[in-house]
Protein backbone atom coordinates (compact mmCIF):
# COMPACT_ATOMS: atom_id res chain seq x y z
CA UNK A 1 0.00 0.00 0.00
CA UNK A 2 1.36 3.42 -0.98
CA UNK A 3 -1.23 6.10 -0.26
CA UNK A 4 -0.57 9.31 -2.12
CA UNK A 5 -2.59 11.35 0.35
CA UNK A 6 -3.42 9.83 3.73
CA UNK A 7 -4.53 12.44 6.29
CA UNK A 8 -3.56 10.09 9.13
CA UNK A 9 0.12 10.16 8.16
CA UNK A 10 2.28 12.81 9.84
CA UNK A 11 4.27 15.17 7.67
CA UNK A 12 7.66 13.55 7.03
CA UNK A 13 10.59 15.13 8.81
CA UNK A 14 13.20 13.59 6.49
CA UNK A 15 13.18 11.89 3.10
CA UNK A 16 15.31 8.78 2.51
CA UNK A 17 16.50 7.82 -0.98
CA UNK A 18 17.84 4.52 -2.18
CA UNK A 19 20.40 5.14 -4.94
CA UNK A 20 20.44 2.23 -7.41
CA UNK A 21 17.44 2.40 -9.78
CA UNK A 22 16.21 5.51 -7.97
CA UNK A 23 18.94 8.05 -8.71
CA UNK A 24 21.22 6.05 -10.99
CA UNK A 25 20.27 3.14 -13.22
CA UNK A 26 21.49 -0.29 -12.11
CA UNK A 27 20.94 -2.85 -14.87
CA UNK A 28 24.31 -4.54 -15.49
CA UNK A 29 22.72 -7.00 -17.90
CA UNK A 30 21.92 -4.22 -20.37
CA UNK A 31 25.53 -3.03 -20.50
CA UNK A 32 27.00 -6.52 -20.82
CA UNK A 33 24.58 -7.25 -23.66
CA UNK A 34 26.19 -4.38 -25.56
CA UNK A 35 29.74 -5.27 -24.58
CA UNK A 36 29.79 -9.03 -25.19
CA UNK A 37 26.45 -9.87 -26.80
CA UNK A 38 23.27 -11.17 -25.21
CA UNK A 39 24.06 -14.87 -25.66
CA UNK A 40 27.48 -14.70 -24.02
CA UNK A 41 26.12 -12.41 -21.31
CA UNK A 42 23.44 -14.93 -20.40
CA UNK A 43 26.08 -17.67 -20.16
CA UNK A 44 28.26 -15.40 -18.03
CA UNK A 45 25.48 -14.52 -15.60
CA UNK A 46 24.46 -18.19 -15.38
CA UNK A 47 28.01 -19.31 -14.64
CA UNK A 48 28.79 -16.80 -11.91
CA UNK A 49 26.70 -15.30 -9.12
CA UNK A 50 27.62 -11.72 -9.97
CA UNK A 51 25.02 -10.17 -7.73
CA UNK A 52 26.33 -12.30 -4.87
CA UNK A 53 29.80 -11.05 -5.70
CA UNK A 54 28.52 -7.50 -5.62
CA UNK A 55 26.95 -8.16 -2.21
CA UNK A 56 30.46 -8.74 -0.86
CA UNK A 57 31.51 -5.23 -1.90
CA UNK A 58 28.28 -3.87 -0.47
CA UNK A 59 29.16 -5.40 2.90
CA UNK A 60 32.51 -3.64 2.92
CA UNK A 61 35.00 -5.99 1.27
CA UNK A 62 37.64 -4.45 -1.01
CA UNK A 63 36.30 -4.04 -4.53
CA UNK A 64 39.44 -5.01 -6.47
CA UNK A 65 40.37 -7.84 -4.11
CA UNK A 66 37.02 -9.55 -4.59
CA UNK A 67 37.25 -9.08 -8.35
CA UNK A 68 40.74 -10.57 -8.39
CA UNK A 69 39.61 -13.55 -6.31
CA UNK A 70 36.58 -14.19 -8.50
CA UNK A 71 38.58 -13.82 -11.73
CA UNK A 72 41.13 -16.36 -10.46
CA UNK A 73 38.32 -18.80 -9.63
CA UNK A 74 36.74 -18.46 -13.09
CA UNK A 75 39.61 -17.93 -15.57
CA UNK A 76 37.36 -18.55 -18.58
CA UNK A 77 35.44 -15.41 -17.62
CA UNK A 78 38.31 -13.28 -16.36
CA UNK A 79 37.91 -10.47 -18.89
CA UNK A 80 34.19 -10.17 -18.25
CA UNK A 81 34.61 -10.27 -14.48
CA UNK A 82 37.19 -7.49 -14.59
CA UNK A 83 34.78 -5.32 -16.57
CA UNK A 84 32.64 -5.17 -13.40
CA UNK A 85 35.43 -3.17 -11.77
CA UNK A 86 37.14 -1.48 -14.71
CA UNK A 87 33.91 -0.27 -16.32
CA UNK A 88 32.02 0.39 -13.08
CA UNK A 89 31.00 3.92 -14.02
CA UNK A 90 29.49 2.66 -17.26
CA UNK A 91 27.47 0.10 -15.28
CA UNK A 92 25.85 2.93 -13.28
CA UNK A 93 24.39 4.86 -16.19
CA UNK A 94 22.22 6.61 -17.05
CA UNK A 95 21.59 8.97 -14.17
CA UNK A 96 17.85 9.37 -13.47
CA UNK A 97 17.74 13.14 -13.89
CA UNK A 98 14.22 13.78 -12.59
CA UNK A 99 15.04 11.98 -9.35
CA UNK A 100 18.14 14.14 -8.95
CA UNK A 101 16.01 17.25 -9.43
CA UNK A 102 13.63 16.00 -6.72
CA UNK A 103 16.55 15.44 -4.33
CA UNK A 104 17.76 18.98 -4.91
CA UNK A 105 14.26 20.45 -4.73
CA UNK A 106 13.68 18.84 -1.34
CA UNK A 107 16.93 20.25 0.02
CA UNK A 108 16.19 23.68 -1.44
CA UNK A 109 12.82 23.59 0.33
CA UNK A 110 14.59 22.89 3.63
CA UNK A 111 13.75 19.20 3.99
CA UNK A 112 16.57 16.91 5.23
CA UNK A 113 17.42 14.22 2.70
CA UNK A 114 19.26 10.99 3.57
CA UNK A 115 20.75 8.20 1.45
CA UNK A 116 20.22 4.57 2.48
CA UNK A 117 21.91 2.38 -0.09
CA UNK A 118 23.62 -0.94 -0.66
CA UNK A 119 26.89 0.28 -2.12
CA UNK A 120 30.53 -0.68 -1.66
CA UNK A 121 33.13 1.62 -0.13
CA UNK A 122 35.33 1.73 -3.24
CA UNK A 123 32.52 1.63 -5.79
CA UNK A 124 30.70 4.46 -4.02
CA UNK A 125 33.86 6.56 -4.03
CA UNK A 126 34.09 6.07 -7.80
CA UNK A 127 30.46 7.00 -8.31
CA UNK A 128 30.47 10.11 -6.13
CA UNK A 129 33.56 11.30 -8.00
CA UNK A 130 31.45 11.44 -11.15
CA UNK A 131 27.99 12.18 -9.75
CA UNK A 132 28.18 15.27 -7.55
CA UNK A 133 24.62 14.81 -6.28
CA UNK A 134 25.80 11.81 -4.24
CA UNK A 135 27.69 14.28 -2.03
CA UNK A 136 24.63 16.46 -1.44
CA UNK A 137 22.70 14.37 1.11
CA UNK A 138 22.37 15.67 4.65
CA UNK A 139 23.27 12.19 5.90
CA UNK A 140 24.46 9.08 4.07
CA UNK A 141 24.03 5.50 5.25
CA UNK A 142 26.10 3.39 2.85
CA UNK A 143 26.18 -0.34 3.50
CA UNK A 144 29.87 -0.81 2.76
CA UNK A 145 30.78 1.64 5.49
CA UNK A 146 28.29 0.13 7.93
CA UNK A 147 29.06 -3.55 7.21
CA UNK A 148 25.40 -4.45 6.79
CA UNK A 149 23.05 -4.36 3.80
CA UNK A 150 19.35 -3.89 3.26
CA UNK A 151 17.01 -5.55 4.01
CA UNK A 152 18.73 -6.41 7.32
CA UNK A 153 16.80 -4.44 9.96
CA UNK A 154 20.07 -3.33 11.56
CA UNK A 155 20.80 -0.84 8.80
CA UNK A 156 17.40 0.79 9.26
CA UNK A 157 17.93 0.90 13.00
CA UNK A 158 21.29 2.60 12.45
CA UNK A 159 19.64 5.36 10.45
CA UNK A 160 16.95 5.87 13.08
CA UNK A 161 19.41 6.06 15.95
CA UNK A 162 21.93 8.25 14.16
CA UNK A 163 19.44 10.73 12.69
CA UNK A 164 17.16 10.91 15.71
CA UNK A 165 14.12 11.03 13.41
CA UNK A 166 11.14 8.98 14.57
CA UNK A 167 10.29 6.11 12.19
CA UNK A 168 6.85 7.48 11.37
CA UNK A 169 8.48 10.76 10.29
CA UNK A 170 10.71 9.10 7.70
CA UNK A 171 9.57 8.82 4.08
CA UNK A 172 11.63 6.21 2.20
CA UNK A 173 11.73 5.25 -1.46
CA UNK A 174 13.43 2.12 -2.82
CA UNK A 175 12.93 0.04 -5.97
CA UNK A 176 12.93 -3.30 -4.12
CA UNK A 177 9.80 -4.53 -2.38
CA UNK A 178 11.78 -6.48 0.25
CA UNK A 179 13.63 -3.34 1.31
CA UNK A 180 10.38 -1.41 1.48
CA UNK A 181 8.69 -4.14 3.54
CA UNK A 182 11.26 -3.96 6.32
CA UNK A 183 11.04 -0.17 6.50
CA UNK A 184 7.26 -0.30 6.62
CA UNK A 185 7.37 -2.91 9.40
CA UNK A 186 9.48 -0.47 11.42
CA UNK A 187 6.83 2.23 11.01
CA UNK A 188 8.43 4.23 8.20
CA UNK A 189 6.35 5.85 5.49
CA UNK A 190 7.33 4.19 2.21
CA UNK A 191 7.08 4.44 -1.54
CA UNK A 192 8.04 1.61 -3.89
CA UNK A 193 9.92 3.43 -6.63
CA UNK A 194 8.80 2.72 -10.18
CA UNK A 195 9.23 6.06 -11.95
CA UNK A 196 10.42 9.50 -10.86
CA UNK A 197 7.06 10.93 -11.90
CA UNK A 198 5.23 8.71 -9.40
CA UNK A 199 7.77 9.59 -6.72
CA UNK A 200 7.20 13.27 -7.46
CA UNK A 201 3.45 12.75 -6.96
CA UNK A 202 4.14 11.13 -3.59
CA UNK A 203 6.29 14.04 -2.46
CA UNK A 204 3.62 16.52 -3.50
CA UNK A 205 0.93 14.51 -1.72
CA UNK A 206 3.06 14.50 1.44
CA UNK A 207 3.14 18.28 1.36
CA UNK A 208 6.91 18.42 0.86
CA UNK A 209 6.98 19.92 -2.63
CA UNK A 210 4.63 21.88 -4.85
CA UNK A 211 3.80 20.53 -8.27
CA UNK A 212 6.07 23.14 -9.80
CA UNK A 213 8.96 22.20 -7.50
CA UNK A 214 8.47 18.51 -8.31
CA UNK A 215 8.87 18.85 -12.07
């Protein structure tokens, strides 16, 4: 359930953004299809648990070290595995421009904006070097730095305790239903991200932005 206008909900005190597929696109399959062809990409993704590999970075392990270890374990796929590191910035394109405008509009309107994202220490450093908006949050809760990933309740608890914002005063958007479910169970207001236009409607309905500000 994602009510766009529920009079029983308090006005959010802070807005929490996921990053992947909310502010930047995260569809590695699309990029590998272009780089090595769809057939070889499917074989590659079937042979290796790449998202499991990525989870290791997201929990704080060294990006290059995990890549090196995985490449050594699967020598037939070494070149493709190394692309995950060496072409990281290509993997995180395109930027979702409307979402970035919403982030900046919220801050310009005086609303605190937090990041809560599964992201590695090294990979996040690469991304924020290119995408300046990743430095613009009032607070950032990045899994690689915290050693715990969504949807583990501990990462949500960390945000609550560190920010001091009551759960019912947090409005959180994420593209994954499992991440949203844990936040909702903790009492957060939530929005399952599908498009920036729908997210803009939610922010307007919450009284945080005007329709003009949300464009």
